[in-house]
C-alpha atoms as a PDB file:
ATOM      1  CA  MET A   1      26.412   8.839 -25.805  1.00  0.00           C
ATOM      2  CA  LYS A   2      24.977   8.667 -29.327  1.00  0.00           C
ATOM      3  CA  TYR A   3      26.458  12.130 -29.981  1.00  0.00           C
ATOM      4  CA  LEU A   4      29.991  10.845 -29.379  1.00  0.00           C
ATOM      5  CA  SER A   5      32.031   8.876 -31.869  1.00  0.00           C
ATOM      6  CA  PRO A   6      32.403   5.116 -31.266  1.00  0.00           C
ATOM      7  CA  ARG A   7      36.107   5.640 -30.638  1.00  0.00           C
ATOM      8  CA  THR A   8      35.402   8.265 -27.956  1.00  0.00           C
ATOM      9  CA  VAL A   9      32.857   5.985 -26.283  1.00  0.00           C
ATOM     10  CA  GLN A  10      35.367   3.133 -26.191  1.00  0.00           C
ATOM     11  CA  VAL A  11      38.038   5.375 -24.665  1.00  0.00           C
ATOM     12  CA  LEU A  12      35.616   6.695 -22.023  1.00  0.00           C
ATOM     13  CA  MET A  13      34.513   3.172 -21.111  1.00  0.00           C
ATOM     14  CA  LEU A  14      38.125   2.028 -20.815  1.00  0.00           C
ATOM     15  CA  LEU A  15      38.981   4.998 -18.585  1.00  0.00           C
ATOM     16  CA  SER A  16      35.906   4.303 -16.443  1.00  0.00           C
ATOM     17  CA  VAL A  17      36.877   0.659 -15.958  1.00  0.00           C
ATOM     18  CA  CYS A  18      40.439   1.636 -15.042  1.00  0.00           C
ATOM     19  CA  ALA A  19      39.149   4.242 -12.571  1.00  0.00           C
ATOM     20  CA  LEU A  20      36.815   1.721 -10.905  1.00  0.00           C
ATOM     21  CA  LEU A  21      39.585  -0.851 -10.597  1.00  0.00           C
ATOM     22  CA  ALA A  22      42.088   1.664  -9.176  1.00  0.00           C
ATOM     23  CA  ALA A  23      39.646   3.541  -6.921  1.00  0.00           C
ATOM     24  CA  PRO A  24      39.910   1.314  -3.783  1.00  0.00           C
ATOM     25  CA  PHE A  25      43.689   1.813  -3.740  1.00  0.00           C
ATOM     26  CA  VAL A  26      43.217   5.590  -3.600  1.00  0.00           C
ATOM     27  CA  LEU A  27      39.961   6.100  -1.695  1.00  0.00           C
ATOM     28  CA  TYR A  28      38.457   4.393   1.339  1.00  0.00           C
ATOM     29  CA  PRO A  29      36.820   1.131   0.118  1.00  0.00           C
ATOM     30  CA  ASN A  30      33.790   1.435   2.432  1.00  0.00           C
ATOM     31  CA  PHE A  31      33.061   4.879   1.016  1.00  0.00           C
ATOM     32  CA  LEU A  32      33.150   3.480  -2.511  1.00  0.00           C
ATOM     33  CA  ILE A  33      30.919   0.551  -1.518  1.00  0.00           C
ATOM     34  CA  GLU A  34      28.317   2.943  -0.158  1.00  0.00           C
ATOM     35  CA  VAL A  35      28.450   4.946  -3.392  1.00  0.00           C
ATOM     36  CA  LEU A  36      27.881   1.779  -5.411  1.00  0.00           C
ATOM     37  CA  CYS A  37      24.953   0.639  -3.246  1.00  0.00           C
ATOM     38  CA  PHE A  38      23.162   3.971  -3.452  1.00  0.00           C
ATOM     39  CA  SER A  39      23.947   4.227  -7.170  1.00  0.00           C
ATOM     40  CA  LEU A  40      22.127   0.944  -7.751  1.00  0.00           C
ATOM     41  CA  LEU A  41      19.217   2.023  -5.547  1.00  0.00           C
ATOM     42  CA  ALA A  42      18.854   5.290  -7.477  1.00  0.00           C
ATOM     43  CA  ALA A  43      19.205   3.460 -10.801  1.00  0.00           C
ATOM     44  CA  ALA A  44      16.383   1.089  -9.782  1.00  0.00           C
ATOM     45  CA  LEU A  45      14.210   4.099  -8.976  1.00  0.00           C
ATOM     46  CA  ASN A  46      15.273   5.708 -12.265  1.00  0.00           C
ATOM     47  CA  LEU A  47      13.939   2.691 -14.150  1.00  0.00           C
ATOM     48  CA  LEU A  48      10.518   3.254 -12.617  1.00  0.00           C
ATOM     49  CA  VAL A  49      10.394   7.061 -12.735  1.00  0.00           C
ATOM     50  CA  SER A  50      12.108   7.881 -16.030  1.00  0.00           C
ATOM     51  CA  TYR A  51      10.960   5.037 -18.235  1.00  0.00           C
ATOM     52  CA  ALA A  52       7.528   4.196 -16.816  1.00  0.00           C
ATOM     53  CA  GLY A  53       6.493   7.587 -15.439  1.00  0.00           C
ATOM     54  CA  LEU A  54       5.754   6.158 -11.969  1.00  0.00           C
ATOM     55  CA  LEU A  55       7.097   8.262  -9.095  1.00  0.00           C
ATOM     56  CA  SER A  56       7.670   6.134  -5.998  1.00  0.00           C
ATOM     57  CA  PHE A  57       8.257   7.580  -2.527  1.00  0.00           C
ATOM     58  CA  GLY A  58       8.728   4.154  -0.961  1.00  0.00           C
ATOM     59  CA  HIS A  59      11.737   2.437  -2.513  1.00  0.00           C
ATOM     60  CA  ALA A  60      13.368   2.230   0.894  1.00  0.00           C
ATOM     61  CA  MET A  61      10.978  -0.620   1.755  1.00  0.00           C
ATOM     62  CA  PHE A  62      12.618  -2.860  -0.868  1.00  0.00           C
ATOM     63  CA  PHE A  63      16.107  -1.653   0.023  1.00  0.00           C
ATOM     64  CA  GLY A  64      15.602  -2.193   3.755  1.00  0.00           C
ATOM     65  CA  ALA A  65      13.437  -5.332   3.597  1.00  0.00           C
ATOM     66  CA  ALA A  66      15.991  -7.152   1.453  1.00  0.00           C
ATOM     67  CA  GLY A  67      18.772  -5.982   3.775  1.00  0.00           C
ATOM     68  CA  TYR A  68      16.965  -7.290   6.865  1.00  0.00           C
ATOM     69  CA  VAL A  69      16.170 -10.653   5.284  1.00  0.00           C
ATOM     70  CA  THR A  70      19.708 -11.083   3.954  1.00  0.00           C
ATOM     71  CA  ALA A  71      21.250 -10.176   7.315  1.00  0.00           C
ATOM     72  CA  HIS A  72      18.871 -12.506   9.198  1.00  0.00           C
ATOM     73  CA  ALA A  73      19.482 -15.377   6.770  1.00  0.00           C
ATOM     74  CA  ILE A  74      23.255 -15.069   7.104  1.00  0.00           C
ATOM     75  CA  LYS A  75      23.418 -14.410  10.844  1.00  0.00           C
ATOM     76  CA  VAL A  76      20.628 -16.638  12.203  1.00  0.00           C
ATOM     77  CA  TRP A  77      20.054 -19.292   9.540  1.00  0.00           C
ATOM     78  CA  GLY A  78      23.742 -19.641   8.680  1.00  0.00           C
ATOM     79  CA  PHE A  79      23.359 -19.010   4.954  1.00  0.00           C
ATOM     80  CA  GLU A  80      26.412 -18.113   2.921  1.00  0.00           C
ATOM     81  CA  PRO A  81      26.371 -14.566   1.441  1.00  0.00           C
ATOM     82  CA  ALA A  82      25.281 -15.461  -2.099  1.00  0.00           C
ATOM     83  CA  LEU A  83      22.288 -17.463  -0.895  1.00  0.00           C
ATOM     84  CA  GLY A  84      21.431 -14.762   1.634  1.00  0.00           C
ATOM     85  CA  ILE A  85      21.449 -12.147  -1.143  1.00  0.00           C
ATOM     86  CA  VAL A  86      19.216 -14.341  -3.324  1.00  0.00           C
ATOM     87  CA  VAL A  87      16.710 -14.758  -0.483  1.00  0.00           C
ATOM     88  CA  GLY A  88      16.719 -11.023   0.248  1.00  0.00           C
ATOM     89  CA  VAL A  89      16.197 -10.134  -3.405  1.00  0.00           C
ATOM     90  CA  ALA A  90      13.380 -12.679  -3.678  1.00  0.00           C
ATOM     91  CA  VAL A  91      11.622 -11.116  -0.684  1.00  0.00           C
ATOM     92  CA  ALA A  92      12.022  -7.639  -2.230  1.00  0.00           C
ATOM     93  CA  ALA A  93      10.477  -8.924  -5.465  1.00  0.00           C
ATOM     94  CA  GLY A  94       7.611 -10.471  -3.477  1.00  0.00           C
ATOM     95  CA  VAL A  95       6.984  -7.234  -1.590  1.00  0.00           C
ATOM     96  CA  GLY A  96       7.076  -5.416  -4.929  1.00  0.00           C
ATOM     97  CA  ALA A  97       4.501  -7.795  -6.415  1.00  0.00           C
ATOM     98  CA  VAL A  98       2.090  -7.379  -3.489  1.00  0.00           C
ATOM     99  CA  THR A  99       2.405  -3.609  -3.095  1.00  0.00           C
ATOM    100  CA  GLY A 100       2.606  -2.996  -6.832  1.00  0.00           C
ATOM    101  CA  ALA A 101      -0.611  -4.894  -7.538  1.00  0.00           C
ATOM    102  CA  LEU A 102      -2.396  -2.363  -5.344  1.00  0.00           C
ATOM    103  CA  ALA A 103      -0.375   0.779  -6.123  1.00  0.00           C
ATOM    104  CA  ILE A 104      -0.627   0.663  -9.935  1.00  0.00           C
ATOM    105  CA  ARG A 105      -4.417   0.994  -9.683  1.00  0.00           C
ATOM    106  CA  ARG A 106      -3.835   4.684  -9.028  1.00  0.00           C
ATOM    107  CA  GLN A 107      -1.901   7.339 -10.927  1.00  0.00           C
ATOM    108  CA  GLY A 108       0.103  10.471 -10.188  1.00  0.00           C
ATOM    109  CA  ILE A 109       0.390  11.667  -6.606  1.00  0.00           C
ATOM    110  CA  TYR A 110      -2.020   8.955  -5.436  1.00  0.00           C
ATOM    111  CA  PHE A 111       0.399   6.260  -6.628  1.00  0.00           C
ATOM    112  CA  SER A 112       3.281   8.041  -4.887  1.00  0.00           C
ATOM    113  CA  MET A 113       1.423   8.350  -1.590  1.00  0.00           C
ATOM    114  CA  ILE A 114       0.385   4.676  -1.649  1.00  0.00           C
ATOM    115  CA  THR A 115       4.024   3.625  -2.039  1.00  0.00           C
ATOM    116  CA  LEU A 116       4.973   5.926   0.844  1.00  0.00           C
ATOM    117  CA  ALA A 117       2.228   4.411   3.010  1.00  0.00           C
ATOM    118  CA  PHE A 118       3.447   0.878   2.306  1.00  0.00           C
ATOM    119  CA  ALA A 119       7.022   1.923   3.086  1.00  0.00           C
ATOM    120  CA  GLN A 120       5.979   3.362   6.449  1.00  0.00           C
ATOM    121  CA  LEU A 121       4.062   0.163   7.206  1.00  0.00           C
ATOM    122  CA  CYS A 122       7.216  -1.869   6.573  1.00  0.00           C
ATOM    123  CA  TYR A 123       9.170   0.553   8.765  1.00  0.00           C
ATOM    124  CA  PHE A 124       6.836   0.085  11.744  1.00  0.00           C
ATOM    125  CA  LEU A 125       6.778  -3.688  11.245  1.00  0.00           C
ATOM    126  CA  ALA A 126      10.570  -3.725  11.412  1.00  0.00           C
ATOM    127  CA  LEU A 127      10.437  -1.555  14.513  1.00  0.00           C
ATOM    128  CA  ARG A 128       8.065  -3.910  16.336  1.00  0.00           C
ATOM    129  CA  MET A 129       9.062  -7.386  15.182  1.00  0.00           C
ATOM    130  CA  PRO A 130      11.458  -9.150  17.577  1.00  0.00           C
ATOM    131  CA  PHE A 131      13.781 -10.739  15.004  1.00  0.00           C
ATOM    132  CA  THR A 132      14.670  -7.360  13.429  1.00  0.00           C
ATOM    133  CA  GLY A 133      16.406  -6.062  16.547  1.00  0.00           C
ATOM    134  CA  GLY A 134      14.074  -3.085  16.904  1.00  0.00           C
ATOM    135  CA  GLU A 135      15.860   0.247  17.143  1.00  0.00           C
ATOM    136  CA  ASP A 136      19.252  -1.491  17.336  1.00  0.00           C
ATOM    137  CA  GLY A 137      18.789  -3.288  14.016  1.00  0.00           C
ATOM    138  CA  LEU A 138      20.725  -6.403  13.045  1.00  0.00           C
ATOM    139  CA  GLN A 139      24.393  -5.989  13.856  1.00  0.00           C
ATOM    140  CA  ASP A 140      27.556  -8.073  13.550  1.00  0.00           C
ATOM    141  CA  VAL A 141      26.384  -9.904  10.445  1.00  0.00           C
ATOM    142  CA  PRO A 142      29.195 -12.399   9.724  1.00  0.00           C
ATOM    143  CA  ARG A 143      31.103 -12.151   6.480  1.00  0.00           C
ATOM    144  CA  ARG A 144      31.250 -15.781   5.479  1.00  0.00           C
ATOM    145  CA  ALA A 145      33.192 -16.891   2.419  1.00  0.00           C
ATOM    146  CA  LEU A 146      31.315 -16.190  -0.800  1.00  0.00           C
ATOM    147  CA  PHE A 147      30.645 -19.439  -2.703  1.00  0.00           C
ATOM    148  CA  GLY A 148      32.772 -21.113  -0.059  1.00  0.00           C
ATOM    149  CA  PHE A 149      36.146 -19.833  -1.286  1.00  0.00           C
ATOM    150  CA  ILE A 150      36.058 -16.021  -1.771  1.00  0.00           C
ATOM    151  CA  ASN A 151      37.327 -14.373   1.430  1.00  0.00           C
ATOM    152  CA  MET A 152      34.881 -11.603   2.376  1.00  0.00           C
ATOM    153  CA  GLY A 153      36.965 -10.540   5.377  1.00  0.00           C
ATOM    154  CA  ASN A 154      39.060  -8.273   3.169  1.00  0.00           C
ATOM    155  CA  SER A 155      37.545  -4.864   2.330  1.00  0.00           C
ATOM    156  CA  LEU A 156      39.165  -4.832  -1.107  1.00  0.00           C
ATOM    157  CA  VAL A 157      37.580  -8.182  -1.955  1.00  0.00           C
ATOM    158  CA  VAL A 158      34.205  -6.927  -0.730  1.00  0.00           C
ATOM    159  CA  TYR A 159      34.551  -3.828  -2.917  1.00  0.00           C
ATOM    160  CA  PHE A 160      35.209  -5.851  -6.072  1.00  0.00           C
ATOM    161  CA  VAL A 161      32.329  -8.220  -5.274  1.00  0.00           C
ATOM    162  CA  VAL A 162      29.971  -5.252  -4.778  1.00  0.00           C
ATOM    163  CA  LEU A 163      31.343  -3.652  -7.963  1.00  0.00           C
ATOM    164  CA  ALA A 164      30.612  -6.819  -9.951  1.00  0.00           C
ATOM    165  CA  ILE A 165      27.069  -7.102  -8.587  1.00  0.00           C
ATOM    166  CA  THR A 166      26.401  -3.402  -9.195  1.00  0.00           C
ATOM    167  CA  ALA A 167      27.718  -3.688 -12.750  1.00  0.00           C
ATOM    168  CA  PHE A 168      25.348  -6.616 -13.285  1.00  0.00           C
ATOM    169  CA  GLY A 169      22.454  -4.488 -11.983  1.00  0.00           C
ATOM    170  CA  PHE A 170      23.270  -1.611 -14.330  1.00  0.00           C
ATOM    171  CA  PHE A 171      23.652  -3.997 -17.256  1.00  0.00           C
ATOM    172  CA  ALA A 172      20.225  -5.463 -16.463  1.00  0.00           C
ATOM    173  CA  ILE A 173      18.725  -1.955 -16.441  1.00  0.00           C
ATOM    174  CA  TYR A 174      20.418  -1.177 -19.755  1.00  0.00           C
ATOM    175  CA  ARG A 175      18.976  -4.324 -21.334  1.00  0.00           C
ATOM    176  CA  ILE A 176      15.507  -3.550 -19.971  1.00  0.00           C
ATOM    177  CA  VAL A 177      15.526   0.056 -21.183  1.00  0.00           C
ATOM    178  CA  TYR A 178      16.703  -0.776 -24.711  1.00  0.00           C
ATOM    179  CA  SER A 179      14.493  -3.824 -25.219  1.00  0.00           C
ATOM    180  CA  PRO A 180      11.015  -3.983 -26.832  1.00  0.00           C
ATOM    181  CA  PHE A 181       9.653  -4.064 -23.278  1.00  0.00           C
ATOM    182  CA  GLY A 182      11.410  -0.762 -22.595  1.00  0.00           C
ATOM    183  CA  GLN A 183       9.975   0.762 -25.767  1.00  0.00           C
ATOM    184  CA  VAL A 184       6.469  -0.145 -24.608  1.00  0.00           C
ATOM    185  CA  LEU A 185       7.198   1.450 -21.229  1.00  0.00           C
ATOM    186  CA  ARG A 186       8.168   4.685 -22.971  1.00  0.00           C
ATOM    187  CA  ALA A 187       4.956   4.580 -24.982  1.00  0.00           C
ATOM    188  CA  ILE A 188       2.918   4.147 -21.808  1.00  0.00           C
ATOM    189  CA  ARG A 189       4.796   6.991 -20.137  1.00  0.00           C
ATOM    190  CA  ASP A 190       4.288   9.376 -23.054  1.00  0.00           C
ATOM    191  CA  ASN A 191       0.680   8.519 -23.923  1.00  0.00           C
ATOM    192  CA  GLU A 192      -1.016   5.847 -21.842  1.00  0.00           C
ATOM    193  CA  ALA A 193      -4.384   6.192 -23.605  1.00  0.00           C
ATOM    194  CA  ARG A 194      -2.783   5.560 -26.983  1.00  0.00           C
ATOM    195  CA  ALA A 195      -0.906   2.524 -25.637  1.00  0.00           C
ATOM    196  CA  ILE A 196      -4.206   1.099 -24.403  1.00  0.00           C
ATOM    197  CA  SER A 197      -5.808   1.753 -27.789  1.00  0.00           C
ATOM    198  CA  LEU A 198      -2.997  -0.220 -29.448  1.00  0.00           C
ATOM    199  CA  GLY A 199      -3.908  -3.240 -27.355  1.00  0.00           C
ATOM    200  CA  TYR A 200      -1.217  -3.181 -24.670  1.00  0.00           C
ATOM    201  CA  ARG A 201      -2.205  -4.320 -21.195  1.00  0.00           C
ATOM    202  CA  VAL A 202      -0.834  -1.257 -19.490  1.00  0.00           C
ATOM    203  CA  ASN A 203      -1.296  -2.411 -15.893  1.00  0.00           C
ATOM    204  CA  ASN A 204       0.625  -5.616 -16.599  1.00  0.00           C
ATOM    205  CA  TYR A 205       3.582  -3.626 -17.927  1.00  0.00           C
ATOM    206  CA  LYS A 206       3.445  -1.242 -14.981  1.00  0.00           C
ATOM    207  CA  LEU A 207       3.389  -4.107 -12.503  1.00  0.00           C
ATOM    208  CA  MET A 208       6.271  -5.855 -14.234  1.00  0.00           C
ATOM    209  CA  VAL A 209       8.532  -2.785 -14.238  1.00  0.00           C
ATOM    210  CA  TYR A 210       7.549  -2.075 -10.629  1.00  0.00           C
ATOM    211  CA  ILE A 211       8.633  -5.593  -9.617  1.00  0.00           C
ATOM    212  CA  LEU A 212      11.874  -5.290 -11.606  1.00  0.00           C
ATOM    213  CA  SER A 213      12.635  -1.963  -9.938  1.00  0.00           C
ATOM    214  CA  ALA A 214      11.864  -3.440  -6.512  1.00  0.00           C
ATOM    215  CA  THR A 215      14.129  -6.415  -7.233  1.00  0.00           C
ATOM    216  CA  LEU A 216      17.069  -4.194  -8.178  1.00  0.00           C
ATOM    217  CA  ALA A 217      16.508  -1.969  -5.132  1.00  0.00           C
ATOM    218  CA  GLY A 218      16.461  -5.127  -3.023  1.00  0.00           C
ATOM    219  CA  LEU A 219      19.742  -6.215  -4.587  1.00  0.00           C
ATOM    220  CA  ALA A 220      21.280  -2.888  -3.499  1.00  0.00           C
ATOM    221  CA  GLY A 221      20.004  -3.382   0.060  1.00  0.00           C
ATOM    222  CA  SER A 222      21.252  -6.958   0.233  1.00  0.00           C
ATOM    223  CA  ILE A 223      24.802  -6.173  -0.840  1.00  0.00           C
ATOM    224  CA  LYS A 224      24.871  -3.228   1.571  1.00  0.00           C
ATOM    225  CA  ALA A 225      23.905  -5.549   4.442  1.00  0.00           C
ATOM    226  CA  VAL A 226      26.664  -7.992   3.507  1.00  0.00           C
ATOM    227  CA  ALA A 227      29.292  -5.289   2.996  1.00  0.00           C
ATOM    228  CA  PHE A 228      28.644  -3.253   6.159  1.00  0.00           C
ATOM    229  CA  GLN A 229      27.516  -6.169   8.383  1.00  0.00           C
ATOM    230  CA  VAL A 230      24.615  -4.159   9.788  1.00  0.00           C
ATOM    231  CA  VAL A 231      21.032  -3.252   8.888  1.00  0.00           C
ATOM    232  CA  THR A 232      19.162  -0.535  10.759  1.00  0.00           C
ATOM    233  CA  LEU A 233      15.799   1.191  10.617  1.00  0.00           C
ATOM    234  CA  SER A 234      17.372   4.017   8.630  1.00  0.00           C
ATOM    235  CA  ASP A 235      17.511   1.652   5.634  1.00  0.00           C
ATOM    236  CA  LEU A 236      13.706   1.482   5.761  1.00  0.00           C
ATOM    237  CA  ASN A 237      13.135   5.128   6.600  1.00  0.00           C
ATOM    238  CA  TRP A 238      11.406   7.481   4.173  1.00  0.00           C
ATOM    239  CA  VAL A 239      14.573   9.612   4.270  1.00  0.00           C
ATOM    240  CA  THR A 240      16.375   6.858   2.336  1.00  0.00           C
ATOM    241  CA  SER A 241      13.674   6.986  -0.350  1.00  0.00           C
ATOM    242  CA  GLY A 242      14.119  10.765  -0.457  1.00  0.00           C
ATOM    243  CA  GLU A 243      17.889  10.436  -0.812  1.00  0.00           C
ATOM    244  CA  ALA A 244      17.459   8.032  -3.725  1.00  0.00           C
ATOM    245  CA  LEU A 245      15.174  10.534  -5.449  1.00  0.00           C
ATOM    246  CA  LEU A 246      17.577  13.386  -4.662  1.00  0.00           C
ATOM    247  CA  ILE A 247      20.485  11.398  -6.128  1.00  0.00           C
ATOM    248  CA  LEU A 248      18.445  10.773  -9.242  1.00  0.00           C
ATOM    249  CA  ILE A 249      17.476  14.418  -9.734  1.00  0.00           C
ATOM    250  CA  LEU A 250      21.028  15.657  -9.158  1.00  0.00           C
ATOM    251  CA  GLY A 251      22.560  13.145 -11.553  1.00  0.00           C
ATOM    252  CA  GLY A 252      19.867  13.361 -14.202  1.00  0.00           C
ATOM    253  CA  LEU A 253      16.687  11.507 -15.087  1.00  0.00           C
ATOM    254  CA  GLN A 254      16.601   9.161 -18.084  1.00  0.00           C
ATOM    255  CA  THR A 255      20.363   8.586 -17.924  1.00  0.00           C
ATOM    256  CA  LEU A 256      22.245   5.470 -16.865  1.00  0.00           C
ATOM    257  CA  VAL A 257      25.262   7.394 -15.540  1.00  0.00           C
ATOM    258  CA  GLY A 258      23.246  10.017 -13.663  1.00  0.00           C
ATOM    259  CA  PRO A 259      22.597   7.883 -10.544  1.00  0.00           C
ATOM    260  CA  VAL A 260      26.337   7.270 -10.174  1.00  0.00           C
ATOM    261  CA  VAL A 261      27.187  10.989 -10.348  1.00  0.00           C
ATOM    262  CA  GLY A 262      24.379  11.868  -7.947  1.00  0.00           C
ATOM    263  CA  ALA A 263      25.432   9.145  -5.497  1.00  0.00           C
ATOM    264  CA  ILE A 264      29.021  10.394  -5.523  1.00  0.00           C
ATOM    265  CA  LEU A 265      27.806  13.893  -4.621  1.00  0.00           C
ATOM    266  CA  ILE A 266      25.391  12.891  -1.861  1.00  0.00           C
ATOM    267  CA  VAL A 267      27.581  10.222  -0.239  1.00  0.00           C
ATOM    268  CA  SER A 268      30.628  12.503  -0.422  1.00  0.00           C
ATOM    269  CA  MET A 269      28.762  15.263   1.381  1.00  0.00           C
ATOM    270  CA  SER A 270      27.526  12.814   4.017  1.00  0.00           C
ATOM    271  CA  HIS A 271      31.061  11.533   4.643  1.00  0.00           C
ATOM    272  CA  TYR A 272      33.238  14.605   4.352  1.00  0.00           C
ATOM    273  CA  LEU A 273      30.793  17.026   5.981  1.00  0.00           C
ATOM    274  CA  ALA A 274      29.886  14.722   8.868  1.00  0.00           C
ATOM    275  CA  THR A 275      31.617  17.020  11.367  1.00  0.00           C
ATOM    276  CA  TYR A 276      29.023  19.712  10.622  1.00  0.00           C
ATOM    277  CA  ALA A 277      26.227  17.510  12.028  1.00  0.00           C
ATOM    278  CA  GLU A 278      22.789  18.909  11.154  1.00  0.00           C
ATOM    279  CA  TRP A 279      24.344  21.380   8.713  1.00  0.00           C
ATOM    280  CA  VAL A 280      24.863  18.496   6.283  1.00  0.00           C
ATOM    281  CA  LEU A 281      21.170  18.446   5.374  1.00  0.00           C
ATOM    282  CA  MET A 282      21.174  22.202   4.863  1.00  0.00           C
ATOM    283  CA  ILE A 283      24.231  22.015   2.615  1.00  0.00           C
ATOM    284  CA  GLN A 284      22.654  19.176   0.651  1.00  0.00           C
ATOM    285  CA  GLY A 285      19.531  21.295   0.262  1.00  0.00           C
ATOM    286  CA  MET A 286      21.513  24.251  -1.053  1.00  0.00           C
ATOM    287  CA  VAL A 287      23.390  22.041  -3.516  1.00  0.00           C
ATOM    288  CA  PHE A 288      20.077  20.574  -4.642  1.00  0.00           C
ATOM    289  CA  VAL A 289      18.572  24.021  -5.225  1.00  0.00           C
ATOM    290  CA  LEU A 290      21.696  25.159  -7.085  1.00  0.00           C
ATOM    291  CA  VAL A 291      21.677  22.114  -9.372  1.00  0.00           C
ATOM    292  CA  VAL A 292      17.955  22.435 -10.070  1.00  0.00           C
ATOM    293  CA  LEU A 293      18.390  26.116 -10.989  1.00  0.00           C
ATOM    294  CA  VAL A 294      21.559  25.721 -13.068  1.00  0.00           C
ATOM    295  CA  PHE A 295      21.252  22.127 -14.339  1.00  0.00           C
ATOM    296  CA  ARG A 296      17.537  21.607 -14.806  1.00  0.00           C
ATOM    297  CA  LYS A 297      18.062  18.187 -16.380  1.00  0.00           C
ATOM    298  CA  GLY A 298      20.600  17.135 -13.796  1.00  0.00           C
ATOM    299  CA  ILE A 299      24.356  17.196 -14.209  1.00  0.00           C
ATOM    300  CA  VAL A 300      24.596  14.325 -16.699  1.00  0.00           C
ATOM    301  CA  GLY A 301      21.339  15.314 -18.372  1.00  0.00           C
ATOM    302  CA  GLU A 302      22.640  18.813 -19.073  1.00  0.00           C
ATOM    303  CA  LEU A 303      25.892  17.352 -20.382  1.00  0.00           C
ATOM    304  CA  TYR A 304      23.946  15.169 -22.823  1.00  0.00           C
ATOM    305  CA  ALA A 305      21.821  18.185 -23.805  1.00  0.00           C
ATOM    306  CA  TRP A 306      24.997  20.164 -24.546  1.00  0.00           C
ATOM    307  CA  PHE A 307      26.282  17.357 -26.788  1.00  0.00           C
ATOM    308  CA  GLU A 308      22.901  17.311 -28.544  1.00  0.00           C
ATOM    309  CA  ARG A 309      22.938  21.074 -29.149  1.00  0.00           C
ATOM    310  CA  ARG A 310      26.505  20.888 -30.446  1.00  0.00           C
ATOM    311  CA  ALA A 311      25.592  18.050 -32.822  1.00  0.00           C
ATOM    312  CA  LEU A 312      22.596  20.013 -34.105  1.00  0.00           C
ATOM    313  CA  ARG A 313      24.736  23.130 -34.682  1.00  0.00           C
ATOM    314  CA  THR A 314      27.318  21.054 -36.527  1.00  0.00           C
ATOM    315  CA  ALA A 315      24.633  19.468 -38.699  1.00  0.00           C
ATOM    316  CA  ALA A 316      23.060  22.867 -39.410  1.00  0.00           C
ATOM    317  CA  SER A 317      26.444  24.334 -40.380  1.00  0.00           C
ATOM    318  CA  ALA A 318      27.174  21.396 -42.665  1.00  0.00           C
ATOM    319  CA  ALA A 319      23.751  21.760 -44.297  1.00  0.00           C
ATOM    320  CA  ALA A 320      24.304  25.488 -44.793  1.00  0.00           C
ATOM    321  CA  VAL A 321      27.693  24.862 -46.412  1.00  0.00           C
ATOM    322  CA  ALA A 322      26.168  22.219 -48.693  1.00  0.00           C
ATOM    323  CA  VAL A 323      23.378  24.576 -49.769  1.00  0.00           C
ATOM    324  CA  LYS A 324      25.868  27.355 -50.445  1.00  0.00           C
ATOM    325  CA  LYS A 325      27.977  25.097 -52.643  1.00  0.00           C
ATOM    326  CA  GLU A 326      24.898  24.031 -54.614  1.00  0.00           C
ATOM    327  CA  ASN A 327      23.921  27.652 -55.218  1.00  0.00           C
ATOM    328  CA  THR A 328      27.365  28.539 -56.444  1.00  0.00           C
END
């Protein structure tokens, strides 16, 4: 966005806000809610992968664990939705602290495989524990009034609540990325040995960003449980972690908008190609291959790269004109 004028950025933001506010009156609200939930999940993973250089294959454990806890707290303990979401997010942060303390001791593919192993452990625990509902999951989660007065029985109201929470999540990621903490994360990603030589406690920073990413992924799982009134084993499955990574790659790494674009693509294909059954995965695979071949930085990443190249050409042309005037 730094290659666009401030006026253009303001206009684009205004159009985006208008589109988000008008969307549920044009499209199916539940479809939009699913896009928002998976956008936040992918954005949480983006924080870990793009800005800390830690590739996780197990983010579904935070997404699903928070969803299960939120659903159980609302359905069995009688919590209202906001408190249920807080409890679910807290559990996701706790799981992130425990698993992260062990996972960050390794790097590269070893880190990724440890996160996958922990995610599969959580999956089998959810399958065997009695209060999770086993293969049936937790269904018919009641939509109680949010804060005691916001009616969650209306799909439009649920959409705007999810939109507000998702916007908060993206704002939190923005603040993290462009803070001194985020600058240190970039330094660790680019040259960990140099960051250590400068006196930074690298493992502490890695653990902190891992917990933050887990918390945001848990927030996505909690709001999904409240919105759709059901949590199943698929929320904990490794396929969900793979979808989050696929969304991220399609949209573009190191971009805040990329997860949204990727989520729109993947969720749209899942919804509108559902009649093709198993062909959906094949079509998603072909789209993924096409995007990787044509848009190597992702859709949004390539768009930003195009703006960068255009800005560089404009600057070079201006410099050439200036030099020519000086010579004449």
